[in-house]
PDB file of N, CA and C in Angstrom:
ATOM      1  N   ASN A   1       0.789  -1.343   0.178  1.00  0.00           N
ATOM      2  CA  ASN A   1      -0.088   0.066   0.020  1.00  0.00           C
ATOM      3  C   ASN A   1       0.800   1.016  -0.229  1.00  0.00           C
ATOM      4  N   TRP A   2       0.510   1.999  -0.709  1.00  0.00           N
ATOM      5  CA  TRP A   2       1.082   3.418  -1.155  1.00  0.00           C
ATOM      6  C   TRP A   2       1.573   4.175   0.263  1.00  0.00           C
ATOM      7  N   LEU A   3       0.369   4.526   1.143  1.00  0.00           N
ATOM      8  CA  LEU A   3       0.597   5.150   2.326  1.00  0.00           C
ATOM      9  C   LEU A   3       1.821   4.332   3.202  1.00  0.00           C
ATOM     10  N   ASP A   4       1.772   3.010   3.448  1.00  0.00           N
ATOM     11  CA  ASP A   4       2.531   2.309   4.226  1.00  0.00           C
ATOM     12  C   ASP A   4       3.998   2.738   3.622  1.00  0.00           C
ATOM     13  N   GLN A   5       4.221   2.558   2.367  1.00  0.00           N
ATOM     14  CA  GLN A   5       5.479   2.791   1.588  1.00  0.00           C
ATOM     15  C   GLN A   5       6.037   4.167   1.899  1.00  0.00           C
ATOM     16  N   LYS A   6       5.014   5.161   1.924  1.00  0.00           N
ATOM     17  CA  LYS A   6       5.459   6.353   2.156  1.00  0.00           C
ATOM     18  C   LYS A   6       6.020   6.903   3.629  1.00  0.00           C
ATOM     19  N   LYS A   7       5.260   5.932   4.523  1.00  0.00           N
ATOM     20  CA  LYS A   7       5.262   5.991   5.953  1.00  0.00           C
ATOM     21  C   LYS A   7       6.706   5.467   6.080  1.00  0.00           C
ATOM     22  N   GLN A   8       6.934   4.471   5.820  1.00  0.00           N
ATOM     23  CA  GLN A   8       8.543   3.730   5.827  1.00  0.00           C
ATOM     24  C   GLN A   8       9.221   4.506   5.266  1.00  0.00           C
ATOM     25  N   PHE A   9       9.354   4.902   4.168  1.00  0.00           N
ATOM     26  CA  PHE A   9      10.215   5.997   3.619  1.00  0.00           C
ATOM     27  C   PHE A   9      10.688   7.127   4.652  1.00  0.00           C
ATOM     28  N   THR A  10       9.633   8.098   4.576  1.00  0.00           N
ATOM     29  CA  THR A  10       9.839   9.050   5.617  1.00  0.00           C
ATOM     30  C   THR A  10      10.155   8.911   7.030  1.00  0.00           C
ATOM     31  N   ASP A  11       9.815   7.573   7.594  1.00  0.00           N
ATOM     32  CA  ASP A  11      10.292   7.392   8.870  1.00  0.00           C
ATOM     33  C   ASP A  11      11.714   7.123   8.827  1.00  0.00           C
ATOM     34  N   LEU A  12      12.453   6.827   7.933  1.00  0.00           N
ATOM     35  CA  LEU A  12      13.866   6.620   7.832  1.00  0.00           C
ATOM     36  C   LEU A  12      14.516   7.661   8.008  1.00  0.00           C
ATOM     37  N   PHE A  13      13.940   8.889   7.762  1.00  0.00           N
ATOM     38  CA  PHE A  13      14.869  10.385   7.711  1.00  0.00           C
ATOM     39  C   PHE A  13      15.358  10.492   9.011  1.00  0.00           C
ATOM     40  N   GLY A  14      16.757  10.810   9.079  1.00  0.00           N
ATOM     41  CA  GLY A  14      17.373  10.884  10.458  1.00  0.00           C
ATOM     42  C   GLY A  14      17.663   9.968  11.354  1.00  0.00           C
ATOM     43  N   ARG A  15      17.543   8.655  10.791  1.00  0.00           N
ATOM     44  CA  ARG A  15      17.580   7.819  11.621  1.00  0.00           C
ATOM     45  C   ARG A  15      19.182   7.276  11.373  1.00  0.00           C
ATOM     46  N   SER A  16      19.749   6.339  12.287  1.00  0.00           N
ATOM     47  CA  SER A  16      21.014   5.707  12.049  1.00  0.00           C
ATOM     48  C   SER A  16      21.254   4.616  10.770  1.00  0.00           C
ATOM     49  N   PHE A  17      22.060   4.458  10.328  1.00  0.00           N
ATOM     50  CA  PHE A  17      22.169   3.543   9.213  1.00  0.00           C
ATOM     51  C   PHE A  17      21.891   2.122   9.659  1.00  0.00           C
ATOM     52  N   ALA A  18      22.088   1.904  11.067  1.00  0.00           N
ATOM     53  CA  ALA A  18      21.468   0.498  11.282  1.00  0.00           C
ATOM     54  C   ALA A  18      20.166   0.583  11.598  1.00  0.00           C
ATOM     55  N   ASP A  19      19.603   1.479  12.025  1.00  0.00           N
ATOM     56  CA  ASP A  19      17.999   1.380  11.816  1.00  0.00           C
ATOM     57  C   ASP A  19      17.665   1.337  10.429  1.00  0.00           C
ATOM     58  N   LYS A  20      18.060   2.184   9.743  1.00  0.00           N
ATOM     59  CA  LYS A  20      17.680   1.880   8.111  1.00  0.00           C
ATOM     60  C   LYS A  20      17.595   0.610   7.453  1.00  0.00           C
ATOM     61  N   LEU A  21      18.857   0.100   8.113  1.00  0.00           N
ATOM     62  CA  LEU A  21      19.267  -1.358   7.237  1.00  0.00           C
ATOM     63  C   LEU A  21      18.148  -2.292   8.023  1.00  0.00           C
ATOM     64  N   GLN A  22      17.904  -2.125   9.175  1.00  0.00           N
ATOM     65  CA  GLN A  22      16.781  -3.200   9.684  1.00  0.00           C
ATOM     66  C   GLN A  22      15.557  -2.958   9.209  1.00  0.00           C
ATOM     67  N   ALA A  23      15.062  -1.597   8.925  1.00  0.00           N
ATOM     68  CA  ALA A  23      14.036  -1.171   8.636  1.00  0.00           C
ATOM     69  C   ALA A  23      13.663  -1.851   6.959  1.00  0.00           C
ATOM     70  N   VAL A  24      14.394  -2.398   6.241  1.00  0.00           N
ATOM     71  CA  VAL A  24      14.513  -3.002   4.898  1.00  0.00           C
ATOM     72  C   VAL A  24      15.020  -4.267   5.082  1.00  0.00           C
ATOM     73  N   GLU A  25      15.534  -4.975   5.962  1.00  0.00           N
ATOM     74  CA  GLU A  25      15.897  -6.474   6.269  1.00  0.00           C
ATOM     75  C   GLU A  25      15.024  -7.201   5.541  1.00  0.00           C
ATOM     76  N   SER A  26      13.535  -7.121   5.810  1.00  0.00           N
ATOM     77  CA  SER A  26      12.727  -7.756   5.017  1.00  0.00           C
ATOM     78  C   SER A  26      12.835  -8.072   3.712  1.00  0.00           C
ATOM     79  N   TRP A  27      12.951  -7.070   3.016  1.00  0.00           N
ATOM     80  CA  TRP A  27      12.975  -6.768   1.683  1.00  0.00           C
ATOM     81  C   TRP A  27      14.212  -7.839   0.980  1.00  0.00           C
ATOM     82  N   PHE A  28      14.972  -8.188   1.858  1.00  0.00           N
ATOM     83  CA  PHE A  28      15.804  -9.404   1.028  1.00  0.00           C
ATOM     84  C   PHE A  28      15.218 -10.762   1.330  1.00  0.00           C
ATOM     85  N   GLU A  29      14.968 -10.817   2.354  1.00  0.00           N
ATOM     86  CA  GLU A  29      14.125 -12.291   2.767  1.00  0.00           C
ATOM     87  C   GLU A  29      12.885 -12.431   1.710  1.00  0.00           C
ATOM     88  N   GLU A  30      12.295 -11.332   1.549  1.00  0.00           N
ATOM     89  CA  GLU A  30      10.865 -11.710   0.524  1.00  0.00           C
ATOM     90  C   GLU A  30      11.447 -11.777  -0.762  1.00  0.00           C
ATOM     91  N   ALA A  31      12.509 -11.126  -1.334  1.00  0.00           N
ATOM     92  CA  ALA A  31      12.791 -11.318  -2.566  1.00  0.00           C
ATOM     93  C   ALA A  31      13.506 -12.519  -2.563  1.00  0.00           C
ATOM     94  N   LYS A  32      14.080 -13.017  -1.712  1.00  0.00           N
ATOM     95  CA  LYS A  32      14.717 -14.268  -1.811  1.00  0.00           C
ATOM     96  C   LYS A  32      13.739 -15.619  -1.768  1.00  0.00           C
ATOM     97  N   ASP A  33      12.659 -15.456  -1.014  1.00  0.00           N
ATOM     98  CA  ASP A  33      11.550 -16.312  -0.492  1.00  0.00           C
ATOM     99  C   ASP A  33      10.549 -16.525  -1.773  1.00  0.00           C
ATOM    100  N   GLU A  34      10.399 -15.225  -2.369  1.00  0.00           N
ATOM    101  CA  GLU A  34       9.487 -15.522  -3.523  1.00  0.00           C
ATOM    102  C   GLU A  34      10.013 -15.491  -4.763  1.00  0.00           C
ATOM    103  N   GLY A  35      11.558 -15.704  -4.633  1.00  0.00           N
ATOM    104  CA  GLY A  35      12.035 -16.226  -5.821  1.00  0.00           C
ATOM    105  C   GLY A  35      12.089 -15.067  -7.130  1.00  0.00           C
ATOM    106  N   VAL A  36      11.920 -13.892  -6.785  1.00  0.00           N
ATOM    107  CA  VAL A  36      11.725 -12.694  -7.768  1.00  0.00           C
ATOM    108  C   VAL A  36      12.999 -11.769  -7.444  1.00  0.00           C
ATOM    109  N   GLY A  37      14.021 -11.997  -6.649  1.00  0.00           N
ATOM    110  CA  GLY A  37      15.214 -11.566  -6.983  1.00  0.00           C
ATOM    111  C   GLY A  37      15.125  -9.794  -6.582  1.00  0.00           C
ATOM    112  N   PRO A  38      16.067  -9.401  -7.560  1.00  0.00           N
ATOM    113  CA  PRO A  38      16.054  -7.677  -7.365  1.00  0.00           C
ATOM    114  C   PRO A  38      14.800  -7.258  -8.008  1.00  0.00           C
ATOM    115  N   ASP A  39      14.016  -7.881  -8.593  1.00  0.00           N
ATOM    116  CA  ASP A  39      12.918  -7.105  -9.157  1.00  0.00           C
ATOM    117  C   ASP A  39      11.786  -6.584  -7.987  1.00  0.00           C
ATOM    118  N   LEU A  40      11.879  -7.121  -6.905  1.00  0.00           N
ATOM    119  CA  LEU A  40      10.872  -6.817  -5.803  1.00  0.00           C
ATOM    120  C   LEU A  40      11.746  -5.410  -5.312  1.00  0.00           C
ATOM    121  N   LEU A  41      13.188  -5.468  -5.199  1.00  0.00           N
ATOM    122  CA  LEU A  41      13.784  -4.167  -4.765  1.00  0.00           C
ATOM    123  C   LEU A  41      13.703  -3.199  -5.591  1.00  0.00           C
ATOM    124  N   VAL A  42      13.782  -3.325  -6.793  1.00  0.00           N
ATOM    125  CA  VAL A  42      13.318  -2.181  -8.003  1.00  0.00           C
ATOM    126  C   VAL A  42      12.327  -1.689  -7.731  1.00  0.00           C
ATOM    127  N   GLU A  43      11.006  -2.682  -7.374  1.00  0.00           N
ATOM    128  CA  GLU A  43       9.804  -2.035  -7.199  1.00  0.00           C
ATOM    129  C   GLU A  43       9.595  -1.294  -6.178  1.00  0.00           C
ATOM    130  N   ARG A  44      10.105  -1.702  -4.953  1.00  0.00           N
ATOM    131  CA  ARG A  44      10.103  -0.951  -3.572  1.00  0.00           C
ATOM    132  C   ARG A  44      11.017   0.489  -3.697  1.00  0.00           C
ATOM    133  N   LEU A  45      12.164   0.553  -4.386  1.00  0.00           N
ATOM    134  CA  LEU A  45      13.004   1.669  -4.608  1.00  0.00           C
ATOM    135  C   LEU A  45      12.048   2.799  -5.783  1.00  0.00           C
ATOM    136  N   ALA A  46      11.481   2.047  -6.643  1.00  0.00           N
ATOM    137  CA  ALA A  46      10.802   2.878  -7.799  1.00  0.00           C
ATOM    138  C   ALA A  46       9.500   3.634  -6.884  1.00  0.00           C
ATOM    139  N   ALA A  47       9.112   2.735  -5.866  1.00  0.00           N
ATOM    140  CA  ALA A  47       8.039   3.460  -5.055  1.00  0.00           C
ATOM    141  C   ALA A  47       8.565   4.681  -4.129  1.00  0.00           C
ATOM    142  N   TRP A  48       9.832   4.248  -3.565  1.00  0.00           N
ATOM    143  CA  TRP A  48      10.338   5.529  -2.791  1.00  0.00           C
ATOM    144  C   TRP A  48      10.849   6.632  -3.755  1.00  0.00           C
ATOM    145  N   GLN A  49      11.080   6.505  -4.971  1.00  0.00           N
ATOM    146  CA  GLN A  49      11.595   7.343  -5.930  1.00  0.00           C
ATOM    147  C   GLN A  49      10.154   8.185  -6.278  1.00  0.00           C
ATOM    148  N   GLY A  50       8.977   7.563  -6.263  1.00  0.00           N
ATOM    149  CA  GLY A  50       7.828   8.402  -6.534  1.00  0.00           C
ATOM    150  C   GLY A  50       7.474   9.194  -5.544  1.00  0.00           C
ATOM    151  N   ILE A  51       7.396   8.743  -4.356  1.00  0.00           N
ATOM    152  CA  ILE A  51       7.283   9.571  -3.116  1.00  0.00           C
ATOM    153  C   ILE A  51       8.246  10.633  -3.109  1.00  0.00           C
ATOM    154  N   LEU A  52       9.282  10.480  -3.403  1.00  0.00           N
ATOM    155  CA  LEU A  52      10.184  11.622  -3.035  1.00  0.00           C
ATOM    156  C   LEU A  52       9.950  12.761  -4.169  1.00  0.00           C
ATOM    157  N   ARG A  53       9.562  12.093  -5.488  1.00  0.00           N
ATOM    158  CA  ARG A  53       9.408  13.339  -6.360  1.00  0.00           C
ATOM    159  C   ARG A  53       7.771  13.688  -6.057  1.00  0.00           C
ATOM    160  N   GLY A  54       7.040  13.113  -5.588  1.00  0.00           N
ATOM    161  CA  GLY A  54       5.813  13.883  -4.788  1.00  0.00           C
ATOM    162  C   GLY A  54       6.186  14.689  -3.759  1.00  0.00           C
ATOM    163  N   MET A  55       7.095  14.521  -2.942  1.00  0.00           N
ATOM    164  CA  MET A  55       7.730  15.505  -2.145  1.00  0.00           C
ATOM    165  C   MET A  55       8.117  16.818  -2.564  1.00  0.00           C
ATOM    166  N   PHE A  56       8.796  16.673  -3.765  1.00  0.00           N
ATOM    167  CA  PHE A  56       9.666  17.788  -4.326  1.00  0.00           C
ATOM    168  C   PHE A  56       8.333  18.579  -4.953  1.00  0.00           C
ATOM    169  N   LEU A  57       7.485  17.958  -5.818  1.00  0.00           N
ATOM    170  CA  LEU A  57       6.364  18.517  -6.394  1.00  0.00           C
ATOM    171  C   LEU A  57       5.087  19.523  -5.324  1.00  0.00           C
ATOM    172  N   ASP A  58       5.233  18.713  -3.918  1.00  0.00           N
ATOM    173  CA  ASP A  58       4.760  19.388  -2.770  1.00  0.00           C
ATOM    174  C   ASP A  58       5.261  20.458  -2.312  1.00  0.00           C
ATOM    175  N   LYS A  59       6.629  20.541  -2.478  1.00  0.00           N
ATOM    176  CA  LYS A  59       7.572  21.633  -1.921  1.00  0.00           C
ATOM    177  C   LYS A  59       7.840  20.996  -0.456  1.00  0.00           C
ATOM    178  N   GLN A  60       7.511  19.996  -0.378  1.00  0.00           N
ATOM    179  CA  GLN A  60       7.818  19.283   1.493  1.00  0.00           C
ATOM    180  C   GLN A  60       9.313  19.412   1.432  1.00  0.00           C
ATOM    181  N   THR A  61      10.071  19.166   0.347  1.00  0.00           N
ATOM    182  CA  THR A  61      11.354  19.126   0.690  1.00  0.00           C
ATOM    183  C   THR A  61      12.243  19.878  -0.560  1.00  0.00           C
ATOM    184  N   THR A  62      13.131  20.208  -0.594  1.00  0.00           N
ATOM    185  CA  THR A  62      14.092  20.998  -1.410  1.00  0.00           C
ATOM    186  C   THR A  62      15.590  20.925  -1.118  1.00  0.00           C
ATOM    187  N   GLY A  63      16.564  21.165  -1.951  1.00  0.00           N
ATOM    188  CA  GLY A  63      17.826  21.080  -1.875  1.00  0.00           C
ATOM    189  C   GLY A  63      18.598  19.819  -2.431  1.00  0.00           C
ATOM    190  N   ALA A  64      19.844  20.079  -2.395  1.00  0.00           N
ATOM    191  CA  ALA A  64      20.627  19.422  -3.400  1.00  0.00           C
ATOM    192  C   ALA A  64      20.851  17.886  -2.470  1.00  0.00           C
ATOM    193  N   GLY A  65      20.844  17.777  -1.235  1.00  0.00           N
ATOM    194  CA  GLY A  65      20.629  16.347  -0.816  1.00  0.00           C
ATOM    195  C   GLY A  65      19.732  15.662  -1.069  1.00  0.00           C
ATOM    196  N   TRP A  66      18.431  16.133  -1.285  1.00  0.00           N
ATOM    197  CA  TRP A  66      17.492  15.443  -1.715  1.00  0.00           C
ATOM    198  C   TRP A  66      17.738  15.056  -3.096  1.00  0.00           C
ATOM    199  N   LEU A  67      17.912  16.031  -4.108  1.00  0.00           N
ATOM    200  CA  LEU A  67      18.094  15.669  -5.382  1.00  0.00           C
ATOM    201  C   LEU A  67      19.500  14.552  -5.706  1.00  0.00           C
ATOM    202  N   ARG A  68      20.403  14.464  -4.784  1.00  0.00           N
ATOM    203  CA  ARG A  68      21.312  13.546  -4.793  1.00  0.00           C
ATOM    204  C   ARG A  68      20.563  12.144  -4.521  1.00  0.00           C
ATOM    205  N   LEU A  69      19.754  12.208  -3.312  1.00  0.00           N
ATOM    206  CA  LEU A  69      19.133  10.888  -3.050  1.00  0.00           C
ATOM    207  C   LEU A  69      18.255  10.477  -4.208  1.00  0.00           C
ATOM    208  N   ASN A  70      17.444  11.331  -5.097  1.00  0.00           N
ATOM    209  CA  ASN A  70      16.786  10.839  -6.032  1.00  0.00           C
ATOM    210  C   ASN A  70      17.888  10.367  -7.196  1.00  0.00           C
ATOM    211  N   GLN A  71      18.824  10.703  -7.037  1.00  0.00           N
ATOM    212  CA  GLN A  71      19.735  10.179  -8.230  1.00  0.00           C
ATOM    213  C   GLN A  71      20.148   8.840  -7.720  1.00  0.00           C
ATOM    214  N   THR A  72      20.711   8.746  -6.840  1.00  0.00           N
ATOM    215  CA  THR A  72      21.094   7.676  -6.009  1.00  0.00           C
ATOM    216  C   THR A  72      20.233   6.625  -5.925  1.00  0.00           C
ATOM    217  N   ILE A  73      18.864   6.492  -5.752  1.00  0.00           N
ATOM    218  CA  ILE A  73      17.783   6.034  -6.165  1.00  0.00           C
ATOM    219  C   ILE A  73      17.775   5.400  -7.416  1.00  0.00           C
ATOM    220  N   ASN A  74      17.654   6.260  -8.464  1.00  0.00           N
ATOM    221  CA  ASN A  74      17.815   6.261  -9.713  1.00  0.00           C
ATOM    222  C   ASN A  74      19.003   5.350 -10.148  1.00  0.00           C
ATOM    223  N   ASP A  75      20.284   5.441  -9.769  1.00  0.00           N
ATOM    224  CA  ASP A  75      21.557   4.821 -10.069  1.00  0.00           C
ATOM    225  C   ASP A  75      21.350   3.368  -9.383  1.00  0.00           C
ATOM    226  N   THR A  76      20.770   2.987  -8.190  1.00  0.00           N
ATOM    227  CA  THR A  76      20.671   1.687  -7.631  1.00  0.00           C
ATOM    228  C   THR A  76      19.502   0.888  -8.435  1.00  0.00           C
ATOM    229  N   ILE A  77      18.567   1.479  -8.879  1.00  0.00           N
ATOM    230  CA  ILE A  77      17.570   0.724  -9.765  1.00  0.00           C
ATOM    231  C   ILE A  77      18.232   0.373 -10.864  1.00  0.00           C
ATOM    232  N   ILE A  78      19.333   0.986 -11.663  1.00  0.00           N
ATOM    233  CA  ILE A  78      19.938   0.588 -12.793  1.00  0.00           C
ATOM    234  C   ILE A  78      20.953  -0.377 -12.458  1.00  0.00           C
ATOM    235  N   ASP A  79      21.604  -0.213 -11.434  1.00  0.00           N
ATOM    236  CA  ASP A  79      22.551  -1.120 -10.719  1.00  0.00           C
ATOM    237  C   ASP A  79      21.829  -2.357 -10.482  1.00  0.00           C
ATOM    238  N   LEU A  80      20.807  -2.544  -9.849  1.00  0.00           N
ATOM    239  CA  LEU A  80      20.018  -3.746  -9.598  1.00  0.00           C
ATOM    240  C   LEU A  80      19.920  -4.600 -11.009  1.00  0.00           C
ATOM    241  N   ARG A  81      19.139  -3.952 -11.807  1.00  0.00           N
ATOM    242  CA  ARG A  81      19.128  -4.423 -13.055  1.00  0.00           C
ATOM    243  C   ARG A  81      20.263  -4.812 -14.140  1.00  0.00           C
ATOM    244  N   ARG A  82      21.256  -4.213 -13.458  1.00  0.00           N
ATOM    245  CA  ARG A  82      22.564  -4.924 -14.019  1.00  0.00           C
ATOM    246  C   ARG A  82      23.376  -5.872 -13.047  1.00  0.00           C
ATOM    247  N   ASN A  83      22.808  -6.430 -12.194  1.00  0.00           N
ATOM    248  CA  ASN A  83      22.845  -7.555 -11.395  1.00  0.00           C
ATOM    249  C   ASN A  83      24.162  -7.238 -10.219  1.00  0.00           C
ATOM    250  N   VAL A  84      23.954  -5.908  -9.726  1.00  0.00           N
ATOM    251  CA  VAL A  84      25.031  -5.806  -8.726  1.00  0.00           C
ATOM    252  C   VAL A  84      24.321  -6.265  -7.459  1.00  0.00           C
ATOM    253  N   HIS A  85      25.294  -6.757  -6.311  1.00  0.00           N
ATOM    254  CA  HIS A  85      24.678  -7.349  -5.243  1.00  0.00           C
ATOM    255  C   HIS A  85      23.510  -6.562  -4.737  1.00  0.00           C
ATOM    256  N   PRO A  86      22.411  -7.125  -4.359  1.00  0.00           N
ATOM    257  CA  PRO A  86      21.270  -6.110  -4.046  1.00  0.00           C
ATOM    258  C   PRO A  86      21.633  -5.450  -2.644  1.00  0.00           C
ATOM    259  N   ARG A  87      21.990  -6.300  -1.278  1.00  0.00           N
ATOM    260  CA  ARG A  87      22.301  -5.614  -0.359  1.00  0.00           C
ATOM    261  C   ARG A  87      23.077  -4.271  -0.363  1.00  0.00           C
ATOM    262  N   LEU A  88      24.271  -4.266  -1.269  1.00  0.00           N
ATOM    263  CA  LEU A  88      25.158  -3.224  -1.267  1.00  0.00           C
ATOM    264  C   LEU A  88      24.444  -2.271  -2.054  1.00  0.00           C
ATOM    265  N   ALA A  89      23.730  -2.746  -3.036  1.00  0.00           N
ATOM    266  CA  ALA A  89      23.160  -1.303  -3.994  1.00  0.00           C
ATOM    267  C   ALA A  89      21.961  -0.789  -2.993  1.00  0.00           C
ATOM    268  N   VAL A  90      21.214  -1.411  -2.083  1.00  0.00           N
ATOM    269  CA  VAL A  90      20.231  -0.751  -1.123  1.00  0.00           C
ATOM    270  C   VAL A  90      20.900   0.247  -0.472  1.00  0.00           C
ATOM    271  N   GLU A  91      22.231  -0.439   0.435  1.00  0.00           N
ATOM    272  CA  GLU A  91      22.651   0.281   1.335  1.00  0.00           C
ATOM    273  C   GLU A  91      23.500   1.519   0.863  1.00  0.00           C
ATOM    274  N   ALA A  92      23.406   1.679  -0.443  1.00  0.00           N
ATOM    275  CA  ALA A  92      24.049   3.091  -1.274  1.00  0.00           C
ATOM    276  C   ALA A  92      22.831   3.832  -1.030  1.00  0.00           C
ATOM    277  N   VAL A  93      21.413   3.556  -1.157  1.00  0.00           N
ATOM    278  CA  VAL A  93      20.564   4.267  -0.892  1.00  0.00           C
ATOM    279  C   VAL A  93      20.175   4.954   0.435  1.00  0.00           C
ATOM    280  N   LEU A  94      20.451   3.945   1.215  1.00  0.00           N
ATOM    281  CA  LEU A  94      20.160   4.320   2.885  1.00  0.00           C
ATOM    282  C   LEU A  94      21.382   5.317   3.209  1.00  0.00           C
ATOM    283  N   LEU A  95      22.701   4.995   2.540  1.00  0.00           N
ATOM    284  CA  LEU A  95      23.664   5.824   3.380  1.00  0.00           C
ATOM    285  C   LEU A  95      23.349   7.091   2.586  1.00  0.00           C
ATOM    286  N   ALA A  96      22.523   7.561   1.520  1.00  0.00           N
ATOM    287  CA  ALA A  96      22.192   8.755   0.802  1.00  0.00           C
ATOM    288  C   ALA A  96      20.999   9.696   1.562  1.00  0.00           C
ATOM    289  N   MET A  97      20.406   8.974   2.469  1.00  0.00           N
ATOM    290  CA  MET A  97      19.223   9.499   2.957  1.00  0.00           C
ATOM    291  C   MET A  97      19.568  10.334   4.236  1.00  0.00           C
ATOM    292  N   PRO A  98      18.825  11.387   4.080  1.00  0.00           N
ATOM    293  CA  PRO A  98      19.207  12.232   5.307  1.00  0.00           C
ATOM    294  C   PRO A  98      19.111  11.866   6.702  1.00  0.00           C
TER     295      PRO A  98
END
């Protein structure tokens, strides 16, 4: 559900890297259990990117850091499609989050 995804995404802002990683840990298990691999991660990150873009449009967020986060999410989606290790790819996004 989109509202749950938005809450998960925005709740991660300002949290420690360990907390952020713990919040998405289930993604890796779900991807493995369902046999969909990186496709599930791409779907989740694309949802986050849509939420972030909505925040830009609503002027809820501005600044270069947010633009870098958007670019990092985009780069990570590309990396996942190129078969980069899923955990490392997602960690890049979490590290880019404010």
